[in-house]
Amino acid sequence: MSDVIEFLEKLGSDARLFQAARETVALALADAQVEAAAGEAILARNVEELQALLKVVPLHCFQSAPKREGEEEEEEQEEEGEEGEKQPKKPSKSANQSVVVARADTLA
């Protein structure tokens, strides 16, 4: 497994190798002594198969910033129309500040 990870690091850091012909990548895989099944998955750019071989699952995380004091009051004032009617709720400022973190070992 460490051979595969080391090769993927090399592939990601070397633009020439990443964009090289399939035969060149195959030679580099052989030089790195990567297992045949993993090498085939890398050559085919089959992320799902490579994840299954390495027994790795993608990690996804969602994080949003909590509202600050006073933001709720400002939003309520913004929601009221000129005639005092409630307008459709707009996304809060904190929704615009949300952060999405995703880790997937992609090859493409």
PDB file of N, CA and C in Angstrom:
ATOM      1  N   MET A   1       0.823  -1.190   0.000  1.00  0.00           N
ATOM      2  CA  MET A   1       0.000   0.000   0.000  1.00  0.00           C
ATOM      3  C   MET A   1       0.865   1.251   0.000  1.00  0.00           C
ATOM      4  N   SER A   2       1.957   1.249   0.730  1.00  0.00           N
ATOM      5  CA  SER A   2       2.799   2.444   0.779  1.00  0.00           C
ATOM      6  C   SER A   2       3.403   2.744  -0.587  1.00  0.00           C
ATOM      7  N   ASP A   3       3.654   1.685  -1.388  1.00  0.00           N
ATOM      8  CA  ASP A   3       4.169   1.911  -2.742  1.00  0.00           C
ATOM      9  C   ASP A   3       3.156   2.681  -3.582  1.00  0.00           C
ATOM     10  N   VAL A   4       1.886   2.337  -3.411  1.00  0.00           N
ATOM     11  CA  VAL A   4       0.827   3.015  -4.169  1.00  0.00           C
ATOM     12  C   VAL A   4       0.736   4.480  -3.744  1.00  0.00           C
ATOM     13  N   ILE A   5       0.750   4.720  -2.449  1.00  0.00           N
ATOM     14  CA  ILE A   5       0.657   6.094  -1.935  1.00  0.00           C
ATOM     15  C   ILE A   5       1.858   6.913  -2.396  1.00  0.00           C
ATOM     16  N   GLU A   6       3.040   6.346  -2.306  1.00  0.00           N
ATOM     17  CA  GLU A   6       4.246   7.057  -2.750  1.00  0.00           C
ATOM     18  C   GLU A   6       4.168   7.371  -4.243  1.00  0.00           C
ATOM     19  N   PHE A   7       3.655   6.411  -5.038  1.00  0.00           N
ATOM     20  CA  PHE A   7       3.538   6.650  -6.471  1.00  0.00           C
ATOM     21  C   PHE A   7       2.519   7.756  -6.748  1.00  0.00           C
ATOM     22  N   LEU A   8       1.391   7.738  -6.035  1.00  0.00           N
ATOM     23  CA  LEU A   8       0.384   8.781  -6.227  1.00  0.00           C
ATOM     24  C   LEU A   8       0.926  10.156  -5.857  1.00  0.00           C
ATOM     25  N   GLU A   9       1.739  10.219  -4.807  1.00  0.00           N
ATOM     26  CA  GLU A   9       2.383  11.485  -4.436  1.00  0.00           C
ATOM     27  C   GLU A   9       3.302  11.954  -5.562  1.00  0.00           C
ATOM     28  N   LYS A  10       4.067  11.017  -6.112  1.00  0.00           N
ATOM     29  CA  LYS A  10       4.980  11.351  -7.211  1.00  0.00           C
ATOM     30  C   LYS A  10       4.187  11.801  -8.433  1.00  0.00           C
ATOM     31  N   LEU A  11       3.102  11.091  -8.733  1.00  0.00           N
ATOM     32  CA  LEU A  11       2.265  11.424  -9.877  1.00  0.00           C
ATOM     33  C   LEU A  11       1.653  12.817  -9.724  1.00  0.00           C
ATOM     34  N   GLY A  12       1.240  13.152  -8.511  1.00  0.00           N
ATOM     35  CA  GLY A  12       0.636  14.457  -8.261  1.00  0.00           C
ATOM     36  C   GLY A  12       1.631  15.596  -8.260  1.00  0.00           C
ATOM     37  N   SER A  13       2.882  15.306  -7.932  1.00  0.00           N
ATOM     38  CA  SER A  13       3.874  16.377  -7.858  1.00  0.00           C
ATOM     39  C   SER A  13       4.678  16.555  -9.145  1.00  0.00           C
ATOM     40  N   ASP A  14       4.591  15.607 -10.047  1.00  0.00           N
ATOM     41  CA  ASP A  14       5.351  15.671 -11.298  1.00  0.00           C
ATOM     42  C   ASP A  14       4.386  15.873 -12.466  1.00  0.00           C
ATOM     43  N   ALA A  15       4.284  17.088 -12.952  1.00  0.00           N
ATOM     44  CA  ALA A  15       3.345  17.413 -14.026  1.00  0.00           C
ATOM     45  C   ALA A  15       3.650  16.632 -15.303  1.00  0.00           C
ATOM     46  N   ARG A  16       4.919  16.415 -15.587  1.00  0.00           N
ATOM     47  CA  ARG A  16       5.276  15.659 -16.795  1.00  0.00           C
ATOM     48  C   ARG A  16       4.763  14.232 -16.706  1.00  0.00           C
ATOM     49  N   LEU A  17       4.929  13.621 -15.544  1.00  0.00           N
ATOM     50  CA  LEU A  17       4.470  12.245 -15.371  1.00  0.00           C
ATOM     51  C   LEU A  17       2.946  12.191 -15.396  1.00  0.00           C
ATOM     52  N   PHE A  18       2.299  13.156 -14.781  1.00  0.00           N
ATOM     53  CA  PHE A  18       0.835  13.189 -14.737  1.00  0.00           C
ATOM     54  C   PHE A  18       0.247  13.290 -16.137  1.00  0.00           C
ATOM     55  N   GLN A  19       0.905  14.041 -17.025  1.00  0.00           N
ATOM     56  CA  GLN A  19       0.400  14.238 -18.381  1.00  0.00           C
ATOM     57  C   GLN A  19       1.070  13.312 -19.392  1.00  0.00           C
ATOM     58  N   ALA A  20       1.902  12.398 -18.920  1.00  0.00           N
ATOM     59  CA  ALA A  20       2.638  11.505 -19.814  1.00  0.00           C
ATOM     60  C   ALA A  20       1.717  10.470 -20.453  1.00  0.00           C
ATOM     61  N   ALA A  21       2.238   9.852 -21.482  1.00  0.00           N
ATOM     62  CA  ALA A  21       1.505   8.790 -22.170  1.00  0.00           C
ATOM     63  C   ALA A  21       1.312   7.608 -21.224  1.00  0.00           C
ATOM     64  N   ARG A  22       0.315   6.813 -21.517  1.00  0.00           N
ATOM     65  CA  ARG A  22      -0.024   5.651 -20.686  1.00  0.00           C
ATOM     66  C   ARG A  22       1.168   4.711 -20.513  1.00  0.00           C
ATOM     67  N   GLU A  23       1.944   4.526 -21.562  1.00  0.00           N
ATOM     68  CA  GLU A  23       3.100   3.624 -21.508  1.00  0.00           C
ATOM     69  C   GLU A  23       4.160   4.138 -20.536  1.00  0.00           C
ATOM     70  N   THR A  24       4.353   5.453 -20.521  1.00  0.00           N
ATOM     71  CA  THR A  24       5.328   6.055 -19.617  1.00  0.00           C
ATOM     72  C   THR A  24       4.893   5.883 -18.167  1.00  0.00           C
ATOM     73  N   VAL A  25       3.619   6.074 -17.920  1.00  0.00           N
ATOM     74  CA  VAL A  25       3.091   5.891 -16.559  1.00  0.00           C
ATOM     75  C   VAL A  25       3.197   4.420 -16.167  1.00  0.00           C
ATOM     76  N   ALA A  26       2.929   3.521 -17.100  1.00  0.00           N
ATOM     77  CA  ALA A  26       3.038   2.085 -16.817  1.00  0.00           C
ATOM     78  C   ALA A  26       4.473   1.716 -16.443  1.00  0.00           C
ATOM     79  N   LEU A  27       5.451   2.282 -17.131  1.00  0.00           N
ATOM     80  CA  LEU A  27       6.860   2.030 -16.792  1.00  0.00           C
ATOM     81  C   LEU A  27       7.195   2.580 -15.410  1.00  0.00           C
ATOM     82  N   ALA A  28       6.677   3.747 -15.098  1.00  0.00           N
ATOM     83  CA  ALA A  28       6.919   4.335 -13.784  1.00  0.00           C
ATOM     84  C   ALA A  28       6.266   3.488 -12.686  1.00  0.00           C
ATOM     85  N   LEU A  29       5.091   2.939 -12.963  1.00  0.00           N
ATOM     86  CA  LEU A  29       4.429   2.044 -12.004  1.00  0.00           C
ATOM     87  C   LEU A  29       5.270   0.796 -11.763  1.00  0.00           C
ATOM     88  N   ALA A  30       5.825   0.243 -12.825  1.00  0.00           N
ATOM     89  CA  ALA A  30       6.669  -0.944 -12.686  1.00  0.00           C
ATOM     90  C   ALA A  30       7.927  -0.613 -11.882  1.00  0.00           C
ATOM     91  N   ASP A  31       8.533   0.535 -12.153  1.00  0.00           N
ATOM     92  CA  ASP A  31       9.722   0.954 -11.409  1.00  0.00           C
ATOM     93  C   ASP A  31       9.422   1.146  -9.923  1.00  0.00           C
ATOM     94  N   ALA A  32       8.210   1.607  -9.618  1.00  0.00           N
ATOM     95  CA  ALA A  32       7.817   1.844  -8.228  1.00  0.00           C
ATOM     96  C   ALA A  32       7.340   0.567  -7.545  1.00  0.00           C
ATOM     97  N   GLN A  33       7.270  -0.528  -8.292  1.00  0.00           N
ATOM     98  CA  GLN A  33       6.850  -1.838  -7.785  1.00  0.00           C
ATOM     99  C   GLN A  33       5.449  -1.790  -7.173  1.00  0.00           C
ATOM    100  N   VAL A  34       4.536  -1.111  -7.882  1.00  0.00           N
ATOM    101  CA  VAL A  34       3.141  -1.033  -7.471  1.00  0.00           C
ATOM    102  C   VAL A  34       2.447  -2.319  -7.909  1.00  0.00           C
ATOM    103  N   GLU A  35       1.582  -2.862  -7.048  1.00  0.00           N
ATOM    104  CA  GLU A  35       0.848  -4.087  -7.360  1.00  0.00           C
ATOM    105  C   GLU A  35       0.095  -3.934  -8.677  1.00  0.00           C
ATOM    106  N   ALA A  36      -0.087  -5.031  -9.383  1.00  0.00           N
ATOM    107  CA  ALA A  36      -0.713  -5.005 -10.700  1.00  0.00           C
ATOM    108  C   ALA A  36      -2.135  -4.450 -10.662  1.00  0.00           C
ATOM    109  N   ALA A  37      -2.943  -4.895  -9.713  1.00  0.00           N
ATOM    110  CA  ALA A  37      -4.336  -4.437  -9.644  1.00  0.00           C
ATOM    111  C   ALA A  37      -4.404  -2.927  -9.387  1.00  0.00           C
ATOM    112  N   ALA A  38      -3.582  -2.445  -8.481  1.00  0.00           N
ATOM    113  CA  ALA A  38      -3.560  -1.007  -8.191  1.00  0.00           C
ATOM    114  C   ALA A  38      -3.023  -0.237  -9.395  1.00  0.00           C
ATOM    115  N   GLY A  39      -2.020  -0.779 -10.063  1.00  0.00           N
ATOM    116  CA  GLY A  39      -1.471  -0.135 -11.248  1.00  0.00           C
ATOM    117  C   GLY A  39      -2.499  -0.005 -12.357  1.00  0.00           C
ATOM    118  N   GLU A  40      -3.297  -1.064 -12.541  1.00  0.00           N
ATOM    119  CA  GLU A  40      -4.345  -1.013 -13.557  1.00  0.00           C
ATOM    120  C   GLU A  40      -5.392   0.042 -13.205  1.00  0.00           C
ATOM    121  N   ALA A  41      -5.734   0.139 -11.936  1.00  0.00           N
ATOM    122  CA  ALA A  41      -6.705   1.156 -11.504  1.00  0.00           C
ATOM    123  C   ALA A  41      -6.150   2.556 -11.726  1.00  0.00           C
ATOM    124  N   ILE A  42      -4.859   2.739 -11.461  1.00  0.00           N
ATOM    125  CA  ILE A  42      -4.236   4.052 -11.676  1.00  0.00           C
ATOM    126  C   ILE A  42      -4.211   4.391 -13.157  1.00  0.00           C
ATOM    127  N   LEU A  43      -3.826   3.438 -13.976  1.00  0.00           N
ATOM    128  CA  LEU A  43      -3.790   3.683 -15.422  1.00  0.00           C
ATOM    129  C   LEU A  43      -5.179   3.977 -15.979  1.00  0.00           C
ATOM    130  N   ALA A  44      -6.189   3.303 -15.442  1.00  0.00           N
ATOM    131  CA  ALA A  44      -7.562   3.519 -15.902  1.00  0.00           C
ATOM    132  C   ALA A  44      -8.195   4.750 -15.256  1.00  0.00           C
ATOM    133  N   ARG A  45      -7.475   5.347 -14.289  1.00  0.00           N
ATOM    134  CA  ARG A  45      -7.978   6.494 -13.523  1.00  0.00           C
ATOM    135  C   ARG A  45      -9.309   6.153 -12.861  1.00  0.00           C
ATOM    136  N   ASN A  46      -9.389   4.931 -12.351  1.00  0.00           N
ATOM    137  CA  ASN A  46     -10.591   4.431 -11.696  1.00  0.00           C
ATOM    138  C   ASN A  46     -10.446   4.643 -10.191  1.00  0.00           C
ATOM    139  N   VAL A  47     -10.972   5.743  -9.713  1.00  0.00           N
ATOM    140  CA  VAL A  47     -10.829   6.136  -8.313  1.00  0.00           C
ATOM    141  C   VAL A  47     -11.538   5.143  -7.388  1.00  0.00           C
ATOM    142  N   GLU A  48     -12.755   4.736  -7.774  1.00  0.00           N
ATOM    143  CA  GLU A  48     -13.527   3.834  -6.928  1.00  0.00           C
ATOM    144  C   GLU A  48     -12.804   2.504  -6.728  1.00  0.00           C
ATOM    145  N   GLU A  49     -12.241   1.962  -7.790  1.00  0.00           N
ATOM    146  CA  GLU A  49     -11.515   0.690  -7.682  1.00  0.00           C
ATOM    147  C   GLU A  49     -10.268   0.849  -6.820  1.00  0.00           C
ATOM    148  N   LEU A  50      -9.562   1.938  -6.991  1.00  0.00           N
ATOM    149  CA  LEU A  50      -8.357   2.182  -6.194  1.00  0.00           C
ATOM    150  C   LEU A  50      -8.712   2.352  -4.719  1.00  0.00           C
ATOM    151  N   GLN A  51      -9.793   3.045  -4.436  1.00  0.00           N
ATOM    152  CA  GLN A  51     -10.235   3.186  -3.048  1.00  0.00           C
ATOM    153  C   GLN A  51     -10.594   1.830  -2.450  1.00  0.00           C
ATOM    154  N   ALA A  52     -11.241   0.985  -3.235  1.00  0.00           N
ATOM    155  CA  ALA A  52     -11.603  -0.352  -2.749  1.00  0.00           C
ATOM    156  C   ALA A  52     -10.352  -1.186  -2.485  1.00  0.00           C
ATOM    157  N   LEU A  53      -9.382  -1.112  -3.362  1.00  0.00           N
ATOM    158  CA  LEU A  53      -8.144  -1.871  -3.182  1.00  0.00           C
ATOM    159  C   LEU A  53      -7.372  -1.407  -1.954  1.00  0.00           C
ATOM    160  N   LEU A  54      -7.386  -0.112  -1.709  1.00  0.00           N
ATOM    161  CA  LEU A  54      -6.660   0.444  -0.567  1.00  0.00           C
ATOM    162  C   LEU A  54      -7.500   0.450   0.709  1.00  0.00           C
ATOM    163  N   LYS A  55      -8.768   0.039   0.579  1.00  0.00           N
ATOM    164  CA  LYS A  55      -9.702   0.029   1.712  1.00  0.00           C
ATOM    165  C   LYS A  55      -9.811   1.424   2.343  1.00  0.00           C
ATOM    166  N   VAL A  56     -10.010   2.411   1.463  1.00  0.00           N
ATOM    167  CA  VAL A  56     -10.127   3.809   1.871  1.00  0.00           C
ATOM    168  C   VAL A  56     -11.506   4.301   1.463  1.00  0.00           C
ATOM    169  N   VAL A  57     -12.146   5.042   2.355  1.00  0.00           N
ATOM    170  CA  VAL A  57     -13.431   5.653   2.025  1.00  0.00           C
ATOM    171  C   VAL A  57     -13.241   7.160   1.940  1.00  0.00           C
ATOM    172  N   PRO A  58     -13.943   7.810   1.018  1.00  0.00           N
ATOM    173  CA  PRO A  58     -13.827   9.263   0.924  1.00  0.00           C
ATOM    174  C   PRO A  58     -14.348   9.921   2.194  1.00  0.00           C
ATOM    175  N   LEU A  59     -13.741  11.023   2.562  1.00  0.00           N
ATOM    176  CA  LEU A  59     -14.127  11.760   3.752  1.00  0.00           C
ATOM    177  C   LEU A  59     -14.756  13.076   3.325  1.00  0.00           C
ATOM    178  N   HIS A  60     -15.958  13.327   3.805  1.00  0.00           N
ATOM    179  CA  HIS A  60     -16.664  14.571   3.504  1.00  0.00           C
ATOM    180  C   HIS A  60     -17.066  15.213   4.820  1.00  0.00           C
ATOM    181  N   CYS A  61     -16.905  16.512   4.892  1.00  0.00           N
ATOM    182  CA  CYS A  61     -17.244  17.235   6.115  1.00  0.00           C
ATOM    183  C   CYS A  61     -17.849  18.579   5.729  1.00  0.00           C
ATOM    184  N   PHE A  62     -18.894  18.982   6.433  1.00  0.00           N
ATOM    185  CA  PHE A  62     -19.515  20.280   6.202  1.00  0.00           C
ATOM    186  C   PHE A  62     -19.418  21.086   7.485  1.00  0.00           C
ATOM    187  N   GLN A  63     -19.033  22.316   7.359  1.00  0.00           N
ATOM    188  CA  GLN A  63     -18.891  23.186   8.526  1.00  0.00           C
ATOM    189  C   GLN A  63     -19.484  24.544   8.178  1.00  0.00           C
ATOM    190  N   SER A  64     -20.256  25.097   9.095  1.00  0.00           N
ATOM    191  CA  SER A  64     -20.775  26.445   8.879  1.00  0.00           C
ATOM    192  C   SER A  64     -20.510  27.278  10.127  1.00  0.00           C
ATOM    193  N   ALA A  65     -20.382  28.555   9.911  1.00  0.00           N
ATOM    194  CA  ALA A  65     -20.084  29.472  11.017  1.00  0.00           C
ATOM    195  C   ALA A  65     -21.381  29.820  11.744  1.00  0.00           C
ATOM    196  N   PRO A  66     -21.366  29.840  13.071  1.00  0.00           N
ATOM    197  CA  PRO A  66     -22.570  30.217  13.822  1.00  0.00           C
ATOM    198  C   PRO A  66     -22.849  31.708  13.655  1.00  0.00           C
ATOM    199  N   LYS A  67     -24.085  32.073  13.894  1.00  0.00           N
ATOM    200  CA  LYS A  67     -24.456  33.494  13.801  1.00  0.00           C
ATOM    201  C   LYS A  67     -23.836  34.256  14.952  1.00  0.00           C
ATOM    202  N   ARG A  68     -23.460  35.479  14.672  1.00  0.00           N
ATOM    203  CA  ARG A  68     -22.927  36.363  15.705  1.00  0.00           C
ATOM    204  C   ARG A  68     -24.085  37.066  16.387  1.00  0.00           C
ATOM    205  N   GLU A  69     -23.822  37.585  17.550  1.00  0.00           N
ATOM    206  CA  GLU A  69     -24.847  38.340  18.261  1.00  0.00           C
ATOM    207  C   GLU A  69     -25.262  39.543  17.429  1.00  0.00           C
ATOM    208  N   GLY A  70     -26.540  39.798  17.354  1.00  0.00           N
ATOM    209  CA  GLY A  70     -27.033  40.946  16.600  1.00  0.00           C
ATOM    210  C   GLY A  70     -27.380  40.616  15.160  1.00  0.00           C
ATOM    211  N   GLU A  71     -26.848  39.530  14.612  1.00  0.00           N
ATOM    212  CA  GLU A  71     -27.151  39.176  13.227  1.00  0.00           C
ATOM    213  C   GLU A  71     -28.616  38.818  13.061  1.00  0.00           C
ATOM    214  N   GLU A  72     -29.184  38.119  14.047  1.00  0.00           N
ATOM    215  CA  GLU A  72     -30.584  37.728  13.962  1.00  0.00           C
ATOM    216  C   GLU A  72     -31.482  38.953  13.895  1.00  0.00           C
ATOM    217  N   GLU A  73     -31.189  39.947  14.722  1.00  0.00           N
ATOM    218  CA  GLU A  73     -31.989  41.165  14.732  1.00  0.00           C
ATOM    219  C   GLU A  73     -31.893  41.885  13.399  1.00  0.00           C
ATOM    220  N   GLU A  74     -30.695  41.960  12.822  1.00  0.00           N
ATOM    221  CA  GLU A  74     -30.502  42.614  11.533  1.00  0.00           C
ATOM    222  C   GLU A  74     -31.281  41.885  10.451  1.00  0.00           C
ATOM    223  N   GLU A  75     -31.244  40.547  10.479  1.00  0.00           N
ATOM    224  CA  GLU A  75     -31.953  39.768   9.471  1.00  0.00           C
ATOM    225  C   GLU A  75     -33.454  39.980   9.569  1.00  0.00           C
ATOM    226  N   GLU A  76     -33.985  40.019  10.796  1.00  0.00           N
ATOM    227  CA  GLU A  76     -35.417  40.230  10.972  1.00  0.00           C
ATOM    228  C   GLU A  76     -35.824  41.592  10.417  1.00  0.00           C
ATOM    229  N   GLN A  77     -34.993  42.604  10.618  1.00  0.00           N
ATOM    230  CA  GLN A  77     -35.299  43.938  10.111  1.00  0.00           C
ATOM    231  C   GLN A  77     -35.240  43.944   8.586  1.00  0.00           C
ATOM    232  N   GLU A  78     -34.289  43.209   8.008  1.00  0.00           N
ATOM    233  CA  GLU A  78     -34.166  43.149   6.553  1.00  0.00           C
ATOM    234  C   GLU A  78     -35.340  42.403   5.936  1.00  0.00           C
ATOM    235  N   GLU A  79     -35.904  41.418   6.648  1.00  0.00           N
ATOM    236  CA  GLU A  79     -36.995  40.612   6.129  1.00  0.00           C
ATOM    237  C   GLU A  79     -38.292  41.391   6.034  1.00  0.00           C
ATOM    238  N   GLU A  80     -38.493  42.376   6.898  1.00  0.00           N
ATOM    239  CA  GLU A  80     -39.720  43.162   6.875  1.00  0.00           C
ATOM    240  C   GLU A  80     -39.682  44.109   5.688  1.00  0.00           C
ATOM    241  N   GLY A  81     -40.773  44.137   4.942  1.00  0.00           N
ATOM    242  CA  GLY A  81     -40.863  44.993   3.765  1.00  0.00           C
ATOM    243  C   GLY A  81     -41.178  46.419   4.150  1.00  0.00           C
ATOM    244  N   GLU A  82     -41.373  47.260   3.155  1.00  0.00           N
ATOM    245  CA  GLU A  82     -41.694  48.654   3.399  1.00  0.00           C
ATOM    246  C   GLU A  82     -43.018  48.802   4.144  1.00  0.00           C
ATOM    247  N   GLU A  83     -43.958  47.892   3.869  1.00  0.00           N
ATOM    248  CA  GLU A  83     -45.268  47.973   4.497  1.00  0.00           C
ATOM    249  C   GLU A  83     -45.352  47.108   5.746  1.00  0.00           C
ATOM    250  N   GLY A  84     -44.235  46.603   6.215  1.00  0.00           N
ATOM    251  CA  GLY A  84     -44.233  45.795   7.414  1.00  0.00           C
ATOM    252  C   GLY A  84     -44.540  44.324   7.161  1.00  0.00           C
ATOM    253  N   GLU A  85     -44.683  43.950   5.890  1.00  0.00           N
ATOM    254  CA  GLU A  85     -44.956  42.548   5.562  1.00  0.00           C
ATOM    255  C   GLU A  85     -43.649  41.767   5.551  1.00  0.00           C
ATOM    256  N   LYS A  86     -43.754  40.512   5.913  1.00  0.00           N
ATOM    257  CA  LYS A  86     -42.571  39.645   5.887  1.00  0.00           C
ATOM    258  C   LYS A  86     -42.252  39.273   4.443  1.00  0.00           C
ATOM    259  N   GLN A  87     -41.003  39.380   4.068  1.00  0.00           N
ATOM    260  CA  GLN A  87     -40.525  38.993   2.754  1.00  0.00           C
ATOM    261  C   GLN A  87     -39.980  37.570   2.835  1.00  0.00           C
ATOM    262  N   PRO A  88     -39.834  36.875   1.694  1.00  0.00           N
ATOM    263  CA  PRO A  88     -39.215  35.549   1.728  1.00  0.00           C
ATOM    264  C   PRO A  88     -37.820  35.646   2.335  1.00  0.00           C
ATOM    265  N   LYS A  89     -37.496  34.672   3.138  1.00  0.00           N
ATOM    266  CA  LYS A  89     -36.224  34.693   3.862  1.00  0.00           C
ATOM    267  C   LYS A  89     -35.050  34.529   2.903  1.00  0.00           C
ATOM    268  N   LYS A  90     -34.065  35.382   3.050  1.00  0.00           N
ATOM    269  CA  LYS A  90     -32.841  35.322   2.256  1.00  0.00           C
ATOM    270  C   LYS A  90     -31.821  34.466   2.992  1.00  0.00           C
ATOM    271  N   PRO A  91     -30.876  33.879   2.260  1.00  0.00           N
ATOM    272  CA  PRO A  91     -29.820  33.143   2.955  1.00  0.00           C
ATOM    273  C   PRO A  91     -29.057  34.078   3.882  1.00  0.00           C
ATOM    274  N   SER A  92     -28.730  33.607   5.057  1.00  0.00           N
ATOM    275  CA  SER A  92     -28.011  34.438   6.020  1.00  0.00           C
ATOM    276  C   SER A  92     -26.568  34.641   5.593  1.00  0.00           C
ATOM    277  N   LYS A  93     -25.943  35.632   6.208  1.00  0.00           N
ATOM    278  CA  LYS A  93     -24.538  35.890   5.927  1.00  0.00           C
ATOM    279  C   LYS A  93     -23.689  34.688   6.304  1.00  0.00           C
ATOM    280  N   SER A  94     -24.084  34.009   7.364  1.00  0.00           N
ATOM    281  CA  SER A  94     -23.295  32.848   7.801  1.00  0.00           C
ATOM    282  C   SER A  94     -23.381  31.728   6.775  1.00  0.00           C
ATOM    283  N   ALA A  95     -24.474  31.660   6.007  1.00  0.00           N
ATOM    284  CA  ALA A  95     -24.567  30.641   4.965  1.00  0.00           C
ATOM    285  C   ALA A  95     -23.531  30.902   3.886  1.00  0.00           C
ATOM    286  N   ASN A  96     -23.259  32.185   3.641  1.00  0.00           N
ATOM    287  CA  ASN A  96     -22.242  32.530   2.659  1.00  0.00           C
ATOM    288  C   ASN A  96     -20.839  32.236   3.179  1.00  0.00           C
ATOM    289  N   GLN A  97     -20.690  32.118   4.483  1.00  0.00           N
ATOM    290  CA  GLN A  97     -19.385  31.880   5.080  1.00  0.00           C
ATOM    291  C   GLN A  97     -19.140  30.405   5.349  1.00  0.00           C
ATOM    292  N   SER A  98     -20.056  29.541   4.940  1.00  0.00           N
ATOM    293  CA  SER A  98     -19.888  28.117   5.223  1.00  0.00           C
ATOM    294  C   SER A  98     -18.716  27.557   4.423  1.00  0.00           C
ATOM    295  N   VAL A  99     -18.149  26.519   4.955  1.00  0.00           N
ATOM    296  CA  VAL A  99     -16.967  25.917   4.374  1.00  0.00           C
ATOM    297  C   VAL A  99     -17.250  24.444   4.122  1.00  0.00           C
ATOM    298  N   VAL A 100     -16.891  23.971   2.959  1.00  0.00           N
ATOM    299  CA  VAL A 100     -17.040  22.554   2.658  1.00  0.00           C
ATOM    300  C   VAL A 100     -15.653  21.974   2.494  1.00  0.00           C
ATOM    301  N   VAL A 101     -15.389  20.888   3.212  1.00  0.00           N
ATOM    302  CA  VAL A 101     -14.111  20.214   3.132  1.00  0.00           C
ATOM    303  C   VAL A 101     -14.374  18.820   2.606  1.00  0.00           C
ATOM    304  N   ALA A 102     -13.723  18.465   1.557  1.00  0.00           N
ATOM    305  CA  ALA A 102     -13.893  17.126   1.003  1.00  0.00           C
ATOM    306  C   ALA A 102     -12.532  16.571   0.650  1.00  0.00           C
ATOM    307  N   ARG A 103     -12.332  15.319   0.970  1.00  0.00           N
ATOM    308  CA  ARG A 103     -11.086  14.666   0.624  1.00  0.00           C
ATOM    309  C   ARG A 103     -11.426  13.425  -0.152  1.00  0.00           C
ATOM    310  N   ALA A 104     -10.999  13.404  -1.381  1.00  0.00           N
ATOM    311  CA  ALA A 104     -11.145  12.220  -2.205  1.00  0.00           C
ATOM    312  C   ALA A 104      -9.871  12.110  -3.004  1.00  0.00           C
ATOM    313  N   ASP A 105      -9.282  10.979  -2.998  1.00  0.00           N
ATOM    314  CA  ASP A 105      -8.024  10.772  -3.725  1.00  0.00           C
ATOM    315  C   ASP A 105      -8.367  10.587  -5.191  1.00  0.00           C
ATOM    316  N   THR A 106      -8.463  11.691  -5.906  1.00  0.00           N
ATOM    317  CA  THR A 106      -8.819  11.650  -7.310  1.00  0.00           C
ATOM    318  C   THR A 106      -7.563  11.687  -8.163  1.00  0.00           C
ATOM    319  N   LEU A 107      -7.700  11.114  -9.311  1.00  0.00           N
ATOM    320  CA  LEU A 107      -6.574  11.083 -10.234  1.00  0.00           C
ATOM    321  C   LEU A 107      -6.842  11.953 -11.439  1.00  0.00           C
ATOM    322  N   ALA A 108      -8.066  12.365 -11.641  1.00  0.00           N
ATOM    323  CA  ALA A 108      -8.390  13.157 -12.817  1.00  0.00           C
ATOM    324  C   ALA A 108      -8.400  14.614 -12.504  1.00  0.00           C
TER     325      ALA A 108
END
